[in-house]
Amino acid sequence: MTKDSLKAPRLKEFENQVKTCTKCPLHKTRKFPVPGEGNVDAKLMIIGLGPGYHENLQGRPFVGTAGKFLDELLELSGLKRGEVYITNIMKCYLPKNVATQDEIKMCTPYLDRQIKIIKPKIIITLGNIATSYLFQKFNLNMQTIGRIHGKVFQVSTLLLQTKIIPMYHPATALYNPRMKETLKQDWKKLKFYLGNI
């Protein structure tokens, strides 16, 4: 059995651990944990902050209004949801859409494992928290999303060769419709990077 053929069972084992996790108080208010979903052989991994109201009810990432807009953005880059892997920094419902540093510290080992299993060629970070965590993890110089959105950052370690591309969170366009075109342009550029991996 090859290493790649072990991806699915390793991911399944990981998901089962997330579903029974009680490391932080967030497990008390969740309905369903949201480990992530998508293609285990995905070249592209998308990472947001955490599950919202609709995600908590379904146990799936990005199924609310922001998720519908994410699907539109994926189409602009020539992708379908089933071709990518979508997850979050936090795996349990964030009632106020905010996670403490302690909660992030307890939950991010799960994300680290997902990255290690899937080995994506491109990682899209949605918003400041996801971007900040990945930049810190790979020793990149963090700046505001306004300065670095749509830019490509190369990561090269012994275990991973990938590109990190920070993006505005899709919800940004819902709160500020004037940002919609900026997000669309960023995602259209993805076609070029995807064609070169």
C-alpha atoms as a PDB file:
ATOM      1  CA  MET A   1       0.000   0.000   0.000  1.00  0.00           C
ATOM      2  CA  THR A   2       1.469   3.360  -1.018  1.00  0.00           C
ATOM      3  CA  LYS A   3       1.658   6.411   1.211  1.00  0.00           C
ATOM      4  CA  ASP A   4      -0.924   8.208  -0.948  1.00  0.00           C
ATOM      5  CA  SER A   5      -3.419   5.343  -0.634  1.00  0.00           C
ATOM      6  CA  LEU A   6      -3.258   5.778   3.150  1.00  0.00           C
ATOM      7  CA  LYS A   7      -4.509   9.369   2.923  1.00  0.00           C
ATOM      8  CA  ALA A   8      -8.240   8.541   3.128  1.00  0.00           C
ATOM      9  CA  PRO A   9      -8.039   6.207   6.171  1.00  0.00           C
ATOM     10  CA  ARG A  10      -5.675   8.610   7.956  1.00  0.00           C
ATOM     11  CA  LEU A  11      -8.084  11.476   7.320  1.00  0.00           C
ATOM     12  CA  LYS A  12     -11.027   9.368   8.509  1.00  0.00           C
ATOM     13  CA  GLU A  13      -9.179   8.525  11.729  1.00  0.00           C
ATOM     14  CA  PHE A  14      -8.401  12.230  12.205  1.00  0.00           C
ATOM     15  CA  GLU A  15     -12.064  13.193  11.642  1.00  0.00           C
ATOM     16  CA  ASN A  16     -13.202  10.669  14.261  1.00  0.00           C
ATOM     17  CA  GLN A  17     -10.807  12.230  16.788  1.00  0.00           C
ATOM     18  CA  VAL A  18     -12.179  15.715  16.054  1.00  0.00           C
ATOM     19  CA  LYS A  19     -15.741  14.457  16.535  1.00  0.00           C
ATOM     20  CA  THR A  20     -14.961  13.269  20.066  1.00  0.00           C
ATOM     21  CA  CYS A  21     -12.666  16.164  21.039  1.00  0.00           C
ATOM     22  CA  THR A  22     -13.270  17.838  24.412  1.00  0.00           C
ATOM     23  CA  LYS A  23      -9.983  19.789  24.700  1.00  0.00           C
ATOM     24  CA  CYS A  24     -11.617  23.211  25.046  1.00  0.00           C
ATOM     25  CA  PRO A  25     -15.000  24.580  26.255  1.00  0.00           C
ATOM     26  CA  LEU A  26     -16.280  24.991  22.670  1.00  0.00           C
ATOM     27  CA  HIS A  27     -17.290  21.318  22.588  1.00  0.00           C
ATOM     28  CA  LYS A  28     -20.044  22.093  25.095  1.00  0.00           C
ATOM     29  CA  THR A  29     -21.932  24.431  22.750  1.00  0.00           C
ATOM     30  CA  ARG A  30     -21.418  22.665  19.421  1.00  0.00           C
ATOM     31  CA  LYS A  31     -24.072  20.550  17.735  1.00  0.00           C
ATOM     32  CA  PHE A  32     -21.707  18.952  15.215  1.00  0.00           C
ATOM     33  CA  PRO A  33     -17.944  19.468  14.995  1.00  0.00           C
ATOM     34  CA  VAL A  34     -16.710  20.472  11.534  1.00  0.00           C
ATOM     35  CA  PRO A  35     -13.429  18.676  10.736  1.00  0.00           C
ATOM     36  CA  GLY A  36     -13.420  19.661   7.052  1.00  0.00           C
ATOM     37  CA  GLU A  37     -14.343  18.021   3.768  1.00  0.00           C
ATOM     38  CA  GLY A  38     -13.226  17.532   0.211  1.00  0.00           C
ATOM     39  CA  ASN A  39     -10.825  15.676  -2.024  1.00  0.00           C
ATOM     40  CA  VAL A  40      -8.054  13.897  -0.101  1.00  0.00           C
ATOM     41  CA  ASP A  41      -5.805  14.330  -3.160  1.00  0.00           C
ATOM     42  CA  ALA A  42      -6.669  18.024  -3.532  1.00  0.00           C
ATOM     43  CA  LYS A  43      -3.934  20.306  -4.830  1.00  0.00           C
ATOM     44  CA  LEU A  44      -5.728  23.228  -3.186  1.00  0.00           C
ATOM     45  CA  MET A  45      -6.626  23.532   0.506  1.00  0.00           C
ATOM     46  CA  ILE A  46      -8.813  26.373   1.786  1.00  0.00           C
ATOM     47  CA  ILE A  47      -8.588  27.402   5.451  1.00  0.00           C
ATOM     48  CA  GLY A  48     -11.036  29.730   7.206  1.00  0.00           C
ATOM     49  CA  LEU A  49     -11.467  30.672  10.870  1.00  0.00           C
ATOM     50  CA  GLY A  50     -14.252  28.445  12.156  1.00  0.00           C
ATOM     51  CA  PRO A  51     -17.785  27.086  11.764  1.00  0.00           C
ATOM     52  CA  GLY A  52     -20.751  29.445  11.914  1.00  0.00           C
ATOM     53  CA  TYR A  53     -24.422  28.793  12.643  1.00  0.00           C
ATOM     54  CA  HIS A  54     -25.231  26.737   9.505  1.00  0.00           C
ATOM     55  CA  GLU A  55     -21.958  24.794   9.629  1.00  0.00           C
ATOM     56  CA  ASN A  56     -22.667  23.827  13.234  1.00  0.00           C
ATOM     57  CA  LEU A  57     -26.073  22.424  12.250  1.00  0.00           C
ATOM     58  CA  GLN A  58     -24.723  20.400   9.306  1.00  0.00           C
ATOM     59  CA  GLY A  59     -21.193  19.473  10.416  1.00  0.00           C
ATOM     60  CA  ARG A  60     -19.840  20.803   7.104  1.00  0.00           C
ATOM     61  CA  PRO A  61     -17.650  23.830   6.352  1.00  0.00           C
ATOM     62  CA  PHE A  62     -18.853  26.885   4.418  1.00  0.00           C
ATOM     63  CA  VAL A  63     -22.501  25.963   3.846  1.00  0.00           C
ATOM     64  CA  GLY A  64     -24.040  29.328   4.764  1.00  0.00           C
ATOM     65  CA  THR A  65     -24.199  32.534   2.712  1.00  0.00           C
ATOM     66  CA  ALA A  66     -20.418  32.994   2.751  1.00  0.00           C
ATOM     67  CA  GLY A  67     -20.105  29.381   1.579  1.00  0.00           C
ATOM     68  CA  LYS A  68     -22.344  30.022  -1.417  1.00  0.00           C
ATOM     69  CA  PHE A  69     -20.148  32.966  -2.389  1.00  0.00           C
ATOM     70  CA  LEU A  70     -17.054  30.768  -1.917  1.00  0.00           C
ATOM     71  CA  ASP A  71     -18.557  28.323  -4.435  1.00  0.00           C
ATOM     72  CA  GLU A  72     -18.905  31.222  -6.901  1.00  0.00           C
ATOM     73  CA  LEU A  73     -15.284  32.232  -6.315  1.00  0.00           C
ATOM     74  CA  LEU A  74     -14.117  28.656  -6.875  1.00  0.00           C
ATOM     75  CA  GLU A  75     -15.927  28.622 -10.220  1.00  0.00           C
ATOM     76  CA  LEU A  76     -14.122  31.828 -11.235  1.00  0.00           C
ATOM     77  CA  SER A  77     -10.833  30.008 -10.736  1.00  0.00           C
ATOM     78  CA  GLY A  78     -12.064  27.001 -12.728  1.00  0.00           C
ATOM     79  CA  LEU A  79     -12.654  24.765  -9.723  1.00  0.00           C
ATOM     80  CA  LYS A  80     -15.531  22.905  -8.134  1.00  0.00           C
ATOM     81  CA  ARG A  81     -15.945  22.330  -4.408  1.00  0.00           C
ATOM     82  CA  GLY A  82     -15.375  18.587  -4.821  1.00  0.00           C
ATOM     83  CA  GLU A  83     -11.881  19.190  -6.228  1.00  0.00           C
ATOM     84  CA  VAL A  84     -10.544  21.055  -3.200  1.00  0.00           C
ATOM     85  CA  TYR A  85     -10.273  20.431   0.533  1.00  0.00           C
ATOM     86  CA  ILE A  86     -11.988  22.967   2.812  1.00  0.00           C
ATOM     87  CA  THR A  87     -11.383  23.315   6.533  1.00  0.00           C
ATOM     88  CA  ASN A  88     -10.957  25.854   9.331  1.00  0.00           C
ATOM     89  CA  ILE A  89      -8.530  26.801  12.086  1.00  0.00           C
ATOM     90  CA  MET A  90     -11.246  25.938  14.627  1.00  0.00           C
ATOM     91  CA  LYS A  91     -13.324  22.779  14.337  1.00  0.00           C
ATOM     92  CA  CYS A  92     -16.221  23.740  16.652  1.00  0.00           C
ATOM     93  CA  TYR A  93     -18.898  26.425  16.411  1.00  0.00           C
ATOM     94  CA  LEU A  94     -17.766  29.935  17.306  1.00  0.00           C
ATOM     95  CA  PRO A  95     -20.964  31.639  18.573  1.00  0.00           C
ATOM     96  CA  LYS A  96     -19.454  35.144  18.267  1.00  0.00           C
ATOM     97  CA  ASN A  97     -17.094  34.270  15.399  1.00  0.00           C
ATOM     98  CA  VAL A  98     -14.140  34.796  17.743  1.00  0.00           C
ATOM     99  CA  ALA A  99     -11.587  32.307  19.060  1.00  0.00           C
ATOM    100  CA  THR A 100      -9.235  32.916  21.985  1.00  0.00           C
ATOM    101  CA  GLN A 101      -5.498  32.313  21.667  1.00  0.00           C
ATOM    102  CA  ASP A 102      -5.841  29.297  24.015  1.00  0.00           C
ATOM    103  CA  GLU A 103      -8.607  27.803  21.875  1.00  0.00           C
ATOM    104  CA  ILE A 104      -6.537  28.324  18.715  1.00  0.00           C
ATOM    105  CA  LYS A 105      -3.518  26.705  20.386  1.00  0.00           C
ATOM    106  CA  MET A 106      -5.574  23.638  21.356  1.00  0.00           C
ATOM    107  CA  CYS A 107      -7.228  23.228  17.946  1.00  0.00           C
ATOM    108  CA  THR A 108      -4.456  23.963  15.435  1.00  0.00           C
ATOM    109  CA  PRO A 109      -2.644  20.615  15.885  1.00  0.00           C
ATOM    110  CA  TYR A 110      -5.646  19.167  14.023  1.00  0.00           C
ATOM    111  CA  LEU A 111      -5.071  21.564  11.123  1.00  0.00           C
ATOM    112  CA  ASP A 112      -1.352  20.731  11.135  1.00  0.00           C
ATOM    113  CA  ARG A 113      -2.268  17.062  10.708  1.00  0.00           C
ATOM    114  CA  GLN A 114      -4.644  17.824   7.844  1.00  0.00           C
ATOM    115  CA  ILE A 115      -1.909  19.715   6.000  1.00  0.00           C
ATOM    116  CA  LYS A 116       0.547  16.879   6.658  1.00  0.00           C
ATOM    117  CA  ILE A 117      -1.884  14.261   5.288  1.00  0.00           C
ATOM    118  CA  ILE A 118      -3.131  16.150   2.214  1.00  0.00           C
ATOM    119  CA  LYS A 119       0.124  17.944   1.274  1.00  0.00           C
ATOM    120  CA  PRO A 120      -1.622  20.620  -0.841  1.00  0.00           C
ATOM    121  CA  LYS A 121       0.335  22.450  -3.535  1.00  0.00           C
ATOM    122  CA  ILE A 122      -1.556  25.666  -2.752  1.00  0.00           C
ATOM    123  CA  ILE A 123      -3.082  26.792   0.555  1.00  0.00           C
ATOM    124  CA  ILE A 124      -5.637  29.619   0.492  1.00  0.00           C
ATOM    125  CA  THR A 125      -6.000  31.328   3.860  1.00  0.00           C
ATOM    126  CA  LEU A 126      -9.239  33.241   4.327  1.00  0.00           C
ATOM    127  CA  GLY A 127      -8.933  36.281   6.592  1.00  0.00           C
ATOM    128  CA  ASN A 128      -6.435  37.495   9.185  1.00  0.00           C
ATOM    129  CA  ILE A 129      -6.573  34.680  11.766  1.00  0.00           C
ATOM    130  CA  ALA A 130      -5.985  31.813   9.315  1.00  0.00           C
ATOM    131  CA  THR A 131      -3.298  33.812   7.522  1.00  0.00           C
ATOM    132  CA  SER A 132      -1.569  34.810  10.752  1.00  0.00           C
ATOM    133  CA  TYR A 133      -1.433  31.210  11.996  1.00  0.00           C
ATOM    134  CA  LEU A 134       0.034  29.830   8.750  1.00  0.00           C
ATOM    135  CA  PHE A 135       2.503  32.693   8.391  1.00  0.00           C
ATOM    136  CA  GLN A 136       3.726  32.152  11.942  1.00  0.00           C
ATOM    137  CA  LYS A 137       3.964  28.398  11.422  1.00  0.00           C
ATOM    138  CA  PHE A 138       6.114  28.802   8.296  1.00  0.00           C
ATOM    139  CA  ASN A 139       8.099  31.866   9.461  1.00  0.00           C
ATOM    140  CA  LEU A 140       6.614  34.310   6.964  1.00  0.00           C
ATOM    141  CA  ASN A 141       6.321  38.037   7.584  1.00  0.00           C
ATOM    142  CA  MET A 142       2.697  38.760   8.507  1.00  0.00           C
ATOM    143  CA  GLN A 143       1.009  41.916   7.261  1.00  0.00           C
ATOM    144  CA  THR A 144      -2.647  42.905   7.021  1.00  0.00           C
ATOM    145  CA  ILE A 145      -4.846  41.106   4.490  1.00  0.00           C
ATOM    146  CA  GLY A 146      -5.313  44.468   2.777  1.00  0.00           C
ATOM    147  CA  ARG A 147      -1.598  44.459   1.890  1.00  0.00           C
ATOM    148  CA  ILE A 148      -1.025  40.810   1.014  1.00  0.00           C
ATOM    149  CA  HIS A 149      -4.317  39.494  -0.401  1.00  0.00           C
ATOM    150  CA  GLY A 150      -3.842  37.598  -3.652  1.00  0.00           C
ATOM    151  CA  LYS A 151      -0.038  37.496  -3.303  1.00  0.00           C
ATOM    152  CA  VAL A 152       1.895  34.223  -3.413  1.00  0.00           C
ATOM    153  CA  PHE A 153       4.239  33.095  -0.642  1.00  0.00           C
ATOM    154  CA  GLN A 154       6.455  30.068  -1.251  1.00  0.00           C
ATOM    155  CA  VAL A 155       6.891  27.548   1.567  1.00  0.00           C
ATOM    156  CA  SER A 156       9.595  24.910   1.438  1.00  0.00           C
ATOM    157  CA  THR A 157      10.235  22.481   4.296  1.00  0.00           C
ATOM    158  CA  LEU A 158      11.516  18.908   4.460  1.00  0.00           C
ATOM    159  CA  LEU A 159       7.923  17.622   4.462  1.00  0.00           C
ATOM    160  CA  LEU A 160       6.034  20.229   2.438  1.00  0.00           C
ATOM    161  CA  GLN A 161       6.439  22.284  -0.733  1.00  0.00           C
ATOM    162  CA  THR A 162       3.496  24.634  -1.113  1.00  0.00           C
ATOM    163  CA  LYS A 163       2.348  28.152  -1.931  1.00  0.00           C
ATOM    164  CA  ILE A 164       0.278  30.153   0.552  1.00  0.00           C
ATOM    165  CA  ILE A 165      -2.080  32.716  -0.960  1.00  0.00           C
ATOM    166  CA  PRO A 166      -3.905  34.908   1.582  1.00  0.00           C
ATOM    167  CA  MET A 167      -7.381  36.022   0.526  1.00  0.00           C
ATOM    168  CA  TYR A 168     -10.163  38.099   2.006  1.00  0.00           C
ATOM    169  CA  HIS A 169     -12.764  35.928   3.705  1.00  0.00           C
ATOM    170  CA  PRO A 170     -15.878  35.575   1.470  1.00  0.00           C
ATOM    171  CA  ALA A 171     -17.960  37.089   4.292  1.00  0.00           C
ATOM    172  CA  THR A 172     -16.071  40.373   3.722  1.00  0.00           C
ATOM    173  CA  ALA A 173     -18.092  40.935   0.551  1.00  0.00           C
ATOM    174  CA  LEU A 174     -21.337  40.271   2.424  1.00  0.00           C
ATOM    175  CA  TYR A 175     -20.559  42.991   4.989  1.00  0.00           C
ATOM    176  CA  ASN A 176     -19.036  45.331   2.405  1.00  0.00           C
ATOM    177  CA  PRO A 177     -20.443  44.751  -1.113  1.00  0.00           C
ATOM    178  CA  ARG A 178     -17.830  47.108  -2.597  1.00  0.00           C
ATOM    179  CA  MET A 179     -15.215  44.413  -1.840  1.00  0.00           C
ATOM    180  CA  LYS A 180     -16.951  41.818  -4.005  1.00  0.00           C
ATOM    181  CA  GLU A 181     -15.066  42.736  -7.173  1.00  0.00           C
ATOM    182  CA  THR A 182     -11.696  42.641  -5.353  1.00  0.00           C
ATOM    183  CA  LEU A 183     -12.380  39.091  -4.183  1.00  0.00           C
ATOM    184  CA  LYS A 184     -13.471  38.029  -7.659  1.00  0.00           C
ATOM    185  CA  GLN A 185     -10.298  39.416  -9.247  1.00  0.00           C
ATOM    186  CA  ASP A 186      -8.096  37.629  -6.685  1.00  0.00           C
ATOM    187  CA  TRP A 187      -9.772  34.299  -7.363  1.00  0.00           C
ATOM    188  CA  LYS A 188      -9.618  34.726 -11.144  1.00  0.00           C
ATOM    189  CA  LYS A 189      -5.817  35.007 -10.847  1.00  0.00           C
ATOM    190  CA  LEU A 190      -5.760  31.564  -9.230  1.00  0.00           C
ATOM    191  CA  LYS A 191      -6.233  29.962 -12.652  1.00  0.00           C
ATOM    192  CA  PHE A 192      -2.672  30.932 -13.540  1.00  0.00           C
ATOM    193  CA  TYR A 193      -1.166  29.365 -10.397  1.00  0.00           C
ATOM    194  CA  LEU A 194      -3.278  26.228 -10.707  1.00  0.00           C
ATOM    195  CA  GLY A 195      -2.089  25.794 -14.284  1.00  0.00           C
ATOM    196  CA  ASN A 196       1.501  25.770 -13.087  1.00  0.00           C
ATOM    197  CA  ILE A 197       1.335  23.011 -10.480  1.00  0.00           C
END
